[in-house]
Amino acid sequence: MFGIGGGEIFFIIIIILMLFGSDKVPEMARTFGKFMAQLKNATNDIKHEINKSAEESGIKKDITETFDIDINPMKDIQNEVEKHKEDIENITGPIKRQL
């Protein structure tokens, strides 16, 4: 998590407890949790609005049709891997039979 280890997190918690006291920490954690939830909801709303407006204006379809974009790039990679497997089998097939 952000390159911070367990000992460092423990040290940060001790510093926070010394600065703010044990009675304020739960309240601060609740406030931080509420803030993170609001931030997540706001970003999800923005993403939803962008996708909705893109679908309404047909941008998503136009881009994929214009540039002939394949939505699944893994399909191309799998096809290449299968081709190379077949090539290797064709090359090594006679060698395996001789052994």
PDB file of N, CA and C in Angstrom:
ATOM      1  N   MET A   1       0.842  -1.172   0.000  1.00  0.00           N
ATOM      2  CA  MET A   1       0.000   0.000   0.000  1.00  0.00           C
ATOM      3  C   MET A   1       0.891   1.240   0.000  1.00  0.00           C
ATOM      4  N   PHE A   2       1.098   1.876  -1.109  1.00  0.00           N
ATOM      5  CA  PHE A   2       1.876   3.095  -1.266  1.00  0.00           C
ATOM      6  C   PHE A   2       3.317   2.924  -0.822  1.00  0.00           C
ATOM      7  N   GLY A   3       3.818   1.711  -0.755  1.00  0.00           N
ATOM      8  CA  GLY A   3       5.194   1.475  -0.360  1.00  0.00           C
ATOM      9  C   GLY A   3       5.434   1.671   1.126  1.00  0.00           C
ATOM     10  N   ILE A   4       4.390   1.606   1.932  1.00  0.00           N
ATOM     11  CA  ILE A   4       4.512   1.780   3.379  1.00  0.00           C
ATOM     12  C   ILE A   4       4.366   0.418   4.037  1.00  0.00           C
ATOM     13  N   GLY A   5       5.313   0.077   4.893  1.00  0.00           N
ATOM     14  CA  GLY A   5       5.283  -1.204   5.580  1.00  0.00           C
ATOM     15  C   GLY A   5       4.493  -1.143   6.874  1.00  0.00           C
ATOM     16  N   GLY A   6       4.387  -2.287   7.536  1.00  0.00           N
ATOM     17  CA  GLY A   6       3.632  -2.382   8.785  1.00  0.00           C
ATOM     18  C   GLY A   6       4.216  -1.544   9.899  1.00  0.00           C
ATOM     19  N   GLY A   7       5.546  -1.551  10.033  1.00  0.00           N
ATOM     20  CA  GLY A   7       6.190  -0.757  11.073  1.00  0.00           C
ATOM     21  C   GLY A   7       5.974   0.729  10.877  1.00  0.00           C
ATOM     22  N   GLU A   8       5.994   1.156   9.628  1.00  0.00           N
ATOM     23  CA  GLU A   8       5.785   2.582   9.339  1.00  0.00           C
ATOM     24  C   GLU A   8       4.351   3.000   9.634  1.00  0.00           C
ATOM     25  N   ILE A   9       3.396   2.136   9.317  1.00  0.00           N
ATOM     26  CA  ILE A   9       1.988   2.444   9.632  1.00  0.00           C
ATOM     27  C   ILE A   9       1.800   2.534  11.143  1.00  0.00           C
ATOM     28  N   PHE A  10       2.411   1.597  11.880  1.00  0.00           N
ATOM     29  CA  PHE A  10       2.329   1.616  13.338  1.00  0.00           C
ATOM     30  C   PHE A  10       2.904   2.924  13.886  1.00  0.00           C
ATOM     31  N   PHE A  11       4.039   3.365  13.370  1.00  0.00           N
ATOM     32  CA  PHE A  11       4.664   4.609  13.801  1.00  0.00           C
ATOM     33  C   PHE A  11       3.756   5.801  13.522  1.00  0.00           C
ATOM     34  N   ILE A  12       3.126   5.828  12.359  1.00  0.00           N
ATOM     35  CA  ILE A  12       2.211   6.922  12.005  1.00  0.00           C
ATOM     36  C   ILE A  12       1.020   6.944  12.956  1.00  0.00           C
ATOM     37  N   ILE A  13       0.484   5.768  13.288  1.00  0.00           N
ATOM     38  CA  ILE A  13      -0.656   5.696  14.216  1.00  0.00           C
ATOM     39  C   ILE A  13      -0.257   6.224  15.589  1.00  0.00           C
ATOM     40  N   ILE A  14       0.925   5.867  16.067  1.00  0.00           N
ATOM     41  CA  ILE A  14       1.398   6.361  17.366  1.00  0.00           C
ATOM     42  C   ILE A  14       1.521   7.885  17.351  1.00  0.00           C
ATOM     43  N   ILE A  15       2.068   8.441  16.276  1.00  0.00           N
ATOM     44  CA  ILE A  15       2.209   9.903  16.169  1.00  0.00           C
ATOM     45  C   ILE A  15       0.835  10.575  16.175  1.00  0.00           C
ATOM     46  N   ILE A  16      -0.112  10.000  15.431  1.00  0.00           N
ATOM     47  CA  ILE A  16      -1.468  10.573  15.390  1.00  0.00           C
ATOM     48  C   ILE A  16      -2.108  10.533  16.765  1.00  0.00           C
ATOM     49  N   LEU A  17      -1.943   9.412  17.472  1.00  0.00           N
ATOM     50  CA  LEU A  17      -2.510   9.314  18.823  1.00  0.00           C
ATOM     51  C   LEU A  17      -1.886  10.344  19.758  1.00  0.00           C
ATOM     52  N   MET A  18      -0.581  10.577  19.642  1.00  0.00           N
ATOM     53  CA  MET A  18       0.069  11.567  20.510  1.00  0.00           C
ATOM     54  C   MET A  18      -0.375  12.984  20.171  1.00  0.00           C
ATOM     55  N   LEU A  19      -0.586  13.273  18.892  1.00  0.00           N
ATOM     56  CA  LEU A  19      -0.964  14.628  18.500  1.00  0.00           C
ATOM     57  C   LEU A  19      -2.413  14.957  18.850  1.00  0.00           C
ATOM     58  N   PHE A  20      -3.329  14.033  18.559  1.00  0.00           N
ATOM     59  CA  PHE A  20      -4.749  14.348  18.677  1.00  0.00           C
ATOM     60  C   PHE A  20      -5.430  13.707  19.879  1.00  0.00           C
ATOM     61  N   GLY A  21      -4.837  12.722  20.469  1.00  0.00           N
ATOM     62  CA  GLY A  21      -5.460  12.056  21.611  1.00  0.00           C
ATOM     63  C   GLY A  21      -6.380  10.939  21.155  1.00  0.00           C
ATOM     64  N   SER A  22      -6.598  10.001  22.062  1.00  0.00           N
ATOM     65  CA  SER A  22      -7.375   8.816  21.699  1.00  0.00           C
ATOM     66  C   SER A  22      -8.864   9.103  21.541  1.00  0.00           C
ATOM     67  N   ASP A  23      -9.360  10.208  22.097  1.00  0.00           N
ATOM     68  CA  ASP A  23     -10.786  10.503  21.977  1.00  0.00           C
ATOM     69  C   ASP A  23     -11.141  11.130  20.627  1.00  0.00           C
ATOM     70  N   LYS A  24     -10.189  11.789  19.978  1.00  0.00           N
ATOM     71  CA  LYS A  24     -10.464  12.439  18.691  1.00  0.00           C
ATOM     72  C   LYS A  24     -10.236  11.515  17.490  1.00  0.00           C
ATOM     73  N   VAL A  25      -9.429  10.481  17.634  1.00  0.00           N
ATOM     74  CA  VAL A  25      -9.063   9.634  16.497  1.00  0.00           C
ATOM     75  C   VAL A  25     -10.270   8.932  15.864  1.00  0.00           C
ATOM     76  N   PRO A  26     -11.190   8.326  16.643  1.00  0.00           N
ATOM     77  CA  PRO A  26     -12.355   7.685  16.000  1.00  0.00           C
ATOM     78  C   PRO A  26     -13.219   8.672  15.212  1.00  0.00           C
ATOM     79  N   GLU A  27     -13.365   9.874  15.755  1.00  0.00           N
ATOM     80  CA  GLU A  27     -14.148  10.897  15.058  1.00  0.00           C
ATOM     81  C   GLU A  27     -13.466  11.299  13.747  1.00  0.00           C
ATOM     82  N   MET A  28     -12.144  11.426  13.784  1.00  0.00           N
ATOM     83  CA  MET A  28     -11.398  11.771  12.583  1.00  0.00           C
ATOM     84  C   MET A  28     -11.497  10.646  11.547  1.00  0.00           C
ATOM     85  N   ALA A  29     -11.443   9.407  12.007  1.00  0.00           N
ATOM     86  CA  ALA A  29     -11.539   8.266  11.086  1.00  0.00           C
ATOM     87  C   ALA A  29     -12.912   8.220  10.425  1.00  0.00           C
ATOM     88  N   ARG A  30     -13.964   8.478  11.212  1.00  0.00           N
ATOM     89  CA  ARG A  30     -15.314   8.511  10.634  1.00  0.00           C
ATOM     90  C   ARG A  30     -15.443   9.616   9.600  1.00  0.00           C
ATOM     91  N   THR A  31     -14.919  10.787   9.915  1.00  0.00           N
ATOM     92  CA  THR A  31     -14.973  11.913   8.987  1.00  0.00           C
ATOM     93  C   THR A  31     -14.204  11.601   7.709  1.00  0.00           C
ATOM     94  N   PHE A  32     -13.031  10.986   7.856  1.00  0.00           N
ATOM     95  CA  PHE A  32     -12.237  10.617   6.686  1.00  0.00           C
ATOM     96  C   PHE A  32     -12.964   9.567   5.854  1.00  0.00           C
ATOM     97  N   GLY A  33     -13.614   8.593   6.503  1.00  0.00           N
ATOM     98  CA  GLY A  33     -14.384   7.571   5.788  1.00  0.00           C
ATOM     99  C   GLY A  33     -15.541   8.177   5.005  1.00  0.00           C
ATOM    100  N   LYS A  34     -16.243   9.115   5.625  1.00  0.00           N
ATOM    101  CA  LYS A  34     -17.350   9.794   4.934  1.00  0.00           C
ATOM    102  C   LYS A  34     -16.839  10.586   3.737  1.00  0.00           C
ATOM    103  N   PHE A  35     -15.694  11.249   3.913  1.00  0.00           N
ATOM    104  CA  PHE A  35     -15.107  12.014   2.818  1.00  0.00           C
ATOM    105  C   PHE A  35     -14.737  11.104   1.650  1.00  0.00           C
ATOM    106  N   MET A  36     -14.120   9.961   1.957  1.00  0.00           N
ATOM    107  CA  MET A  36     -13.725   9.020   0.900  1.00  0.00           C
ATOM    108  C   MET A  36     -14.957   8.463   0.175  1.00  0.00           C
ATOM    109  N   ALA A  37     -16.035   8.186   0.916  1.00  0.00           N
ATOM    110  CA  ALA A  37     -17.259   7.694   0.290  1.00  0.00           C
ATOM    111  C   ALA A  37     -17.864   8.756  -0.637  1.00  0.00           C
ATOM    112  N   GLN A  38     -17.875  10.007  -0.191  1.00  0.00           N
ATOM    113  CA  GLN A  38     -18.392  11.094  -1.026  1.00  0.00           C
ATOM    114  C   GLN A  38     -17.536  11.272  -2.268  1.00  0.00           C
ATOM    115  N   LEU A  39     -16.221  11.175  -2.113  1.00  0.00           N
ATOM    116  CA  LEU A  39     -15.321  11.307  -3.247  1.00  0.00           C
ATOM    117  C   LEU A  39     -15.544  10.182  -4.255  1.00  0.00           C
ATOM    118  N   LYS A  40     -15.719   8.967  -3.761  1.00  0.00           N
ATOM    119  CA  LYS A  40     -15.971   7.820  -4.635  1.00  0.00           C
ATOM    120  C   LYS A  40     -17.296   7.993  -5.379  1.00  0.00           C
ATOM    121  N   ASN A  41     -18.335   8.421  -4.664  1.00  0.00           N
ATOM    122  CA  ASN A  41     -19.630   8.639  -5.303  1.00  0.00           C
ATOM    123  C   ASN A  41     -19.558   9.738  -6.360  1.00  0.00           C
ATOM    124  N   ALA A  42     -18.814  10.796  -6.065  1.00  0.00           N
ATOM    125  CA  ALA A  42     -18.685  11.892  -7.028  1.00  0.00           C
ATOM    126  C   ALA A  42     -17.963  11.429  -8.291  1.00  0.00           C
ATOM    127  N   THR A  43     -16.885  10.663  -8.141  1.00  0.00           N
ATOM    128  CA  THR A  43     -16.164  10.191  -9.323  1.00  0.00           C
ATOM    129  C   THR A  43     -17.003   9.203 -10.121  1.00  0.00           C
ATOM    130  N   ASN A  44     -17.770   8.356  -9.427  1.00  0.00           N
ATOM    131  CA  ASN A  44     -18.659   7.425 -10.143  1.00  0.00           C
ATOM    132  C   ASN A  44     -19.741   8.180 -10.908  1.00  0.00           C
ATOM    133  N   ASP A  45     -20.275   9.245 -10.304  1.00  0.00           N
ATOM    134  CA  ASP A  45     -21.285  10.053 -10.994  1.00  0.00           C
ATOM    135  C   ASP A  45     -20.701  10.717 -12.241  1.00  0.00           C
ATOM    136  N   ILE A  46     -19.485  11.226 -12.112  1.00  0.00           N
ATOM    137  CA  ILE A  46     -18.839  11.878 -13.261  1.00  0.00           C
ATOM    138  C   ILE A  46     -18.599  10.868 -14.374  1.00  0.00           C
ATOM    139  N   LYS A  47     -18.099   9.680 -14.034  1.00  0.00           N
ATOM    140  CA  LYS A  47     -17.868   8.630 -15.032  1.00  0.00           C
ATOM    141  C   LYS A  47     -19.180   8.236 -15.715  1.00  0.00           C
ATOM    142  N   HIS A  48     -20.229   8.107 -14.909  1.00  0.00           N
ATOM    143  CA  HIS A  48     -21.536   7.730 -15.460  1.00  0.00           C
ATOM    144  C   HIS A  48     -22.033   8.794 -16.433  1.00  0.00           C
ATOM    145  N   GLU A  49     -21.909  10.062 -16.066  1.00  0.00           N
ATOM    146  CA  GLU A  49     -22.365  11.143 -16.937  1.00  0.00           C
ATOM    147  C   GLU A  49     -21.561  11.196 -18.238  1.00  0.00           C
ATOM    148  N   ILE A  50     -20.266  10.987 -18.159  1.00  0.00           N
ATOM    149  CA  ILE A  50     -19.432  10.998 -19.369  1.00  0.00           C
ATOM    150  C   ILE A  50     -19.822   9.851 -20.290  1.00  0.00           C
ATOM    151  N   ASN A  51     -19.980   8.649 -19.718  1.00  0.00           N
ATOM    152  CA  ASN A  51     -20.378   7.498 -20.540  1.00  0.00           C
ATOM    153  C   ASN A  51     -21.770   7.689 -21.139  1.00  0.00           C
ATOM    154  N   LYS A  52     -22.683   8.245 -20.354  1.00  0.00           N
ATOM    155  CA  LYS A  52     -24.050   8.474 -20.831  1.00  0.00           C
ATOM    156  C   LYS A  52     -24.062   9.470 -21.993  1.00  0.00           C
ATOM    157  N   SER A  53     -23.319  10.565 -21.852  1.00  0.00           N
ATOM    158  CA  SER A  53     -23.306  11.551 -22.928  1.00  0.00           C
ATOM    159  C   SER A  53     -22.593  11.016 -24.164  1.00  0.00           C
ATOM    160  N   ALA A  54     -21.578  10.170 -23.959  1.00  0.00           N
ATOM    161  CA  ALA A  54     -20.884   9.566 -25.104  1.00  0.00           C
ATOM    162  C   ALA A  54     -21.806   8.616 -25.844  1.00  0.00           C
ATOM    163  N   GLU A  55     -22.584   7.830 -25.115  1.00  0.00           N
ATOM    164  CA  GLU A  55     -23.518   6.905 -25.764  1.00  0.00           C
ATOM    165  C   GLU A  55     -24.626   7.659 -26.485  1.00  0.00           C
ATOM    166  N   GLU A  56     -25.131   8.746 -25.876  1.00  0.00           N
ATOM    167  CA  GLU A  56     -26.201   9.516 -26.494  1.00  0.00           C
ATOM    168  C   GLU A  56     -25.739  10.170 -27.791  1.00  0.00           C
ATOM    169  N   SER A  57     -24.527  10.643 -27.815  1.00  0.00           N
ATOM    170  CA  SER A  57     -24.035  11.305 -29.024  1.00  0.00           C
ATOM    171  C   SER A  57     -23.437  10.321 -30.021  1.00  0.00           C
ATOM    172  N   GLY A  58     -23.288   9.082 -29.634  1.00  0.00           N
ATOM    173  CA  GLY A  58     -22.790   8.056 -30.542  1.00  0.00           C
ATOM    174  C   GLY A  58     -21.292   8.085 -30.732  1.00  0.00           C
ATOM    175  N   ILE A  59     -20.591   8.723 -29.826  1.00  0.00           N
ATOM    176  CA  ILE A  59     -19.139   8.836 -29.961  1.00  0.00           C
ATOM    177  C   ILE A  59     -18.480   7.474 -29.859  1.00  0.00           C
ATOM    178  N   LYS A  60     -18.910   6.679 -28.931  1.00  0.00           N
ATOM    179  CA  LYS A  60     -18.275   5.382 -28.712  1.00  0.00           C
ATOM    180  C   LYS A  60     -18.408   4.492 -29.945  1.00  0.00           C
ATOM    181  N   LYS A  61     -19.594   4.446 -30.537  1.00  0.00           N
ATOM    182  CA  LYS A  61     -19.803   3.631 -31.733  1.00  0.00           C
ATOM    183  C   LYS A  61     -19.007   4.183 -32.910  1.00  0.00           C
ATOM    184  N   ASP A  62     -19.035   5.502 -33.083  1.00  0.00           N
ATOM    185  CA  ASP A  62     -18.335   6.120 -34.208  1.00  0.00           C
ATOM    186  C   ASP A  62     -16.847   5.832 -34.174  1.00  0.00           C
ATOM    187  N   ILE A  63     -16.251   5.900 -33.004  1.00  0.00           N
ATOM    188  CA  ILE A  63     -14.814   5.678 -32.888  1.00  0.00           C
ATOM    189  C   ILE A  63     -14.474   4.239 -33.243  1.00  0.00           C
ATOM    190  N   THR A  64     -15.235   3.287 -32.723  1.00  0.00           N
ATOM    191  CA  THR A  64     -14.916   1.891 -33.004  1.00  0.00           C
ATOM    192  C   THR A  64     -15.176   1.546 -34.461  1.00  0.00           C
ATOM    193  N   GLU A  65     -16.190   2.143 -35.064  1.00  0.00           N
ATOM    194  CA  GLU A  65     -16.467   1.857 -36.473  1.00  0.00           C
ATOM    195  C   GLU A  65     -15.466   2.559 -37.393  1.00  0.00           C
ATOM    196  N   THR A  66     -15.108   3.790 -37.075  1.00  0.00           N
ATOM    197  CA  THR A  66     -14.201   4.556 -37.916  1.00  0.00           C
ATOM    198  C   THR A  66     -12.810   3.941 -37.958  1.00  0.00           C
ATOM    199  N   PHE A  67     -12.304   3.590 -36.814  1.00  0.00           N
ATOM    200  CA  PHE A  67     -10.935   3.091 -36.744  1.00  0.00           C
ATOM    201  C   PHE A  67     -10.871   1.575 -36.713  1.00  0.00           C
ATOM    202  N   ASP A  68     -11.995   0.902 -36.788  1.00  0.00           N
ATOM    203  CA  ASP A  68     -12.066  -0.556 -36.768  1.00  0.00           C
ATOM    204  C   ASP A  68     -11.315  -1.100 -35.551  1.00  0.00           C
ATOM    205  N   ILE A  69     -11.680  -0.591 -34.401  1.00  0.00           N
ATOM    206  CA  ILE A  69     -11.024  -0.979 -33.159  1.00  0.00           C
ATOM    207  C   ILE A  69     -11.650  -2.261 -32.649  1.00  0.00           C
ATOM    208  N   ASP A  70     -10.784  -3.205 -32.290  1.00  0.00           N
ATOM    209  CA  ASP A  70     -11.249  -4.444 -31.681  1.00  0.00           C
ATOM    210  C   ASP A  70     -11.312  -4.209 -30.177  1.00  0.00           C
ATOM    211  N   ILE A  71     -12.463  -4.446 -29.597  1.00  0.00           N
ATOM    212  CA  ILE A  71     -12.662  -4.187 -28.185  1.00  0.00           C
ATOM    213  C   ILE A  71     -11.870  -5.173 -27.326  1.00  0.00           C
ATOM    214  N   ASN A  72     -11.603  -6.371 -27.822  1.00  0.00           N
ATOM    215  CA  ASN A  72     -10.906  -7.382 -27.049  1.00  0.00           C
ATOM    216  C   ASN A  72      -9.491  -7.578 -27.598  1.00  0.00           C
ATOM    217  N   PRO A  73      -8.491  -6.851 -27.074  1.00  0.00           N
ATOM    218  CA  PRO A  73      -7.134  -6.999 -27.589  1.00  0.00           C
ATOM    219  C   PRO A  73      -6.516  -8.346 -27.241  1.00  0.00           C
ATOM    220  N   MET A  74      -7.014  -9.013 -26.219  1.00  0.00           N
ATOM    221  CA  MET A  74      -6.478 -10.320 -25.842  1.00  0.00           C
ATOM    222  C   MET A  74      -6.747 -11.356 -26.929  1.00  0.00           C
ATOM    223  N   LYS A  75      -7.776 -11.148 -27.713  1.00  0.00           N
ATOM    224  CA  LYS A  75      -8.112 -12.066 -28.797  1.00  0.00           C
ATOM    225  C   LYS A  75      -6.972 -12.135 -29.809  1.00  0.00           C
ATOM    226  N   ASP A  76      -6.413 -10.973 -30.153  1.00  0.00           N
ATOM    227  CA  ASP A  76      -5.296 -10.934 -31.092  1.00  0.00           C
ATOM    228  C   ASP A  76      -4.070 -11.633 -30.517  1.00  0.00           C
ATOM    229  N   ILE A  77      -3.811 -11.401 -29.250  1.00  0.00           N
ATOM    230  CA  ILE A  77      -2.656 -12.029 -28.608  1.00  0.00           C
ATOM    231  C   ILE A  77      -2.825 -13.541 -28.576  1.00  0.00           C
ATOM    232  N   GLN A  78      -4.019 -14.007 -28.253  1.00  0.00           N
ATOM    233  CA  GLN A  78      -4.273 -15.451 -28.215  1.00  0.00           C
ATOM    234  C   GLN A  78      -4.119 -16.069 -29.599  1.00  0.00           C
ATOM    235  N   ASN A  79      -4.563 -15.364 -30.630  1.00  0.00           N
ATOM    236  CA  ASN A  79      -4.401 -15.874 -31.992  1.00  0.00           C
ATOM    237  C   ASN A  79      -2.925 -15.993 -32.358  1.00  0.00           C
ATOM    238  N   GLU A  80      -2.128 -15.008 -31.999  1.00  0.00           N
ATOM    239  CA  GLU A  80      -0.691 -15.052 -32.275  1.00  0.00           C
ATOM    240  C   GLU A  80      -0.023 -16.203 -31.538  1.00  0.00           C
ATOM    241  N   VAL A  81      -0.413 -16.409 -30.291  1.00  0.00           N
ATOM    242  CA  VAL A  81       0.157 -17.506 -29.513  1.00  0.00           C
ATOM    243  C   VAL A  81      -0.198 -18.849 -30.153  1.00  0.00           C
ATOM    244  N   GLU A  82      -1.423 -18.992 -30.586  1.00  0.00           N
ATOM    245  CA  GLU A  82      -1.832 -20.243 -31.238  1.00  0.00           C
ATOM    246  C   GLU A  82      -1.051 -20.480 -32.528  1.00  0.00           C
ATOM    247  N   LYS A  83      -0.822 -19.421 -33.303  1.00  0.00           N
ATOM    248  CA  LYS A  83      -0.038 -19.558 -34.533  1.00  0.00           C
ATOM    249  C   LYS A  83       1.368 -20.048 -34.231  1.00  0.00           C
ATOM    250  N   HIS A  84       1.983 -19.453 -33.211  1.00  0.00           N
ATOM    251  CA  HIS A  84       3.346 -19.848 -32.857  1.00  0.00           C
ATOM    252  C   HIS A  84       3.383 -21.272 -32.308  1.00  0.00           C
ATOM    253  N   LYS A  85       2.362 -21.678 -31.572  1.00  0.00           N
ATOM    254  CA  LYS A  85       2.299 -23.058 -31.086  1.00  0.00           C
ATOM    255  C   LYS A  85       2.242 -24.029 -32.254  1.00  0.00           C
ATOM    256  N   GLU A  86       1.424 -23.707 -33.257  1.00  0.00           N
ATOM    257  CA  GLU A  86       1.319 -24.567 -34.433  1.00  0.00           C
ATOM    258  C   GLU A  86       2.648 -24.625 -35.191  1.00  0.00           C
ATOM    259  N   ASP A  87       3.314 -23.475 -35.311  1.00  0.00           N
ATOM    260  CA  ASP A  87       4.617 -23.461 -35.987  1.00  0.00           C
ATOM    261  C   ASP A  87       5.624 -24.331 -35.250  1.00  0.00           C
ATOM    262  N   ILE A  88       5.644 -24.242 -33.947  1.00  0.00           N
ATOM    263  CA  ILE A  88       6.578 -25.051 -33.163  1.00  0.00           C
ATOM    264  C   ILE A  88       6.248 -26.528 -33.300  1.00  0.00           C
ATOM    265  N   GLU A  89       4.975 -26.867 -33.282  1.00  0.00           N
ATOM    266  CA  GLU A  89       4.572 -28.267 -33.447  1.00  0.00           C
ATOM    267  C   GLU A  89       4.973 -28.788 -34.827  1.00  0.00           C
ATOM    268  N   ASN A  90       4.821 -27.946 -35.853  1.00  0.00           N
ATOM    269  CA  ASN A  90       5.212 -28.356 -37.207  1.00  0.00           C
ATOM    270  C   ASN A  90       6.718 -28.563 -37.315  1.00  0.00           C
ATOM    271  N   ILE A  91       7.476 -27.735 -36.631  1.00  0.00           N
ATOM    272  CA  ILE A  91       8.937 -27.843 -36.687  1.00  0.00           C
ATOM    273  C   ILE A  91       9.426 -29.033 -35.871  1.00  0.00           C
ATOM    274  N   THR A  92       8.910 -29.180 -34.660  1.00  0.00           N
ATOM    275  CA  THR A  92       9.417 -30.219 -33.760  1.00  0.00           C
ATOM    276  C   THR A  92       8.726 -31.563 -33.949  1.00  0.00           C
ATOM    277  N   GLY A  93       7.645 -31.593 -34.698  1.00  0.00           N
ATOM    278  CA  GLY A  93       6.919 -32.856 -34.899  1.00  0.00           C
ATOM    279  C   GLY A  93       7.795 -33.969 -35.446  1.00  0.00           C
ATOM    280  N   PRO A  94       8.492 -33.771 -36.577  1.00  0.00           N
ATOM    281  CA  PRO A  94       9.335 -34.837 -37.110  1.00  0.00           C
ATOM    282  C   PRO A  94      10.510 -35.171 -36.175  1.00  0.00           C
ATOM    283  N   ILE A  95      11.011 -34.196 -35.461  1.00  0.00           N
ATOM    284  CA  ILE A  95      12.136 -34.460 -34.554  1.00  0.00           C
ATOM    285  C   ILE A  95      11.679 -35.336 -33.401  1.00  0.00           C
ATOM    286  N   LYS A  96      10.507 -35.080 -32.852  1.00  0.00           N
ATOM    287  CA  LYS A  96       9.987 -35.891 -31.756  1.00  0.00           C
ATOM    288  C   LYS A  96       9.761 -37.329 -32.191  1.00  0.00           C
ATOM    289  N   ARG A  97       9.284 -37.514 -33.421  1.00  0.00           N
ATOM    290  CA  ARG A  97       8.995 -38.864 -33.902  1.00  0.00           C
ATOM    291  C   ARG A  97      10.255 -39.693 -34.074  1.00  0.00           C
ATOM    292  N   GLN A  98      11.369 -39.038 -34.406  1.00  0.00           N
ATOM    293  CA  GLN A  98      12.623 -39.765 -34.626  1.00  0.00           C
ATOM    294  C   GLN A  98      13.218 -40.243 -33.308  1.00  0.00           C
ATOM    295  N   LEU A  99      12.967 -39.531 -32.238  1.00  0.00           N
ATOM    296  CA  LEU A  99      13.525 -39.921 -30.955  1.00  0.00           C
ATOM    297  C   LEU A  99      12.756 -41.072 -30.428  1.00  0.00           C
TER     298      LEU A  99
END
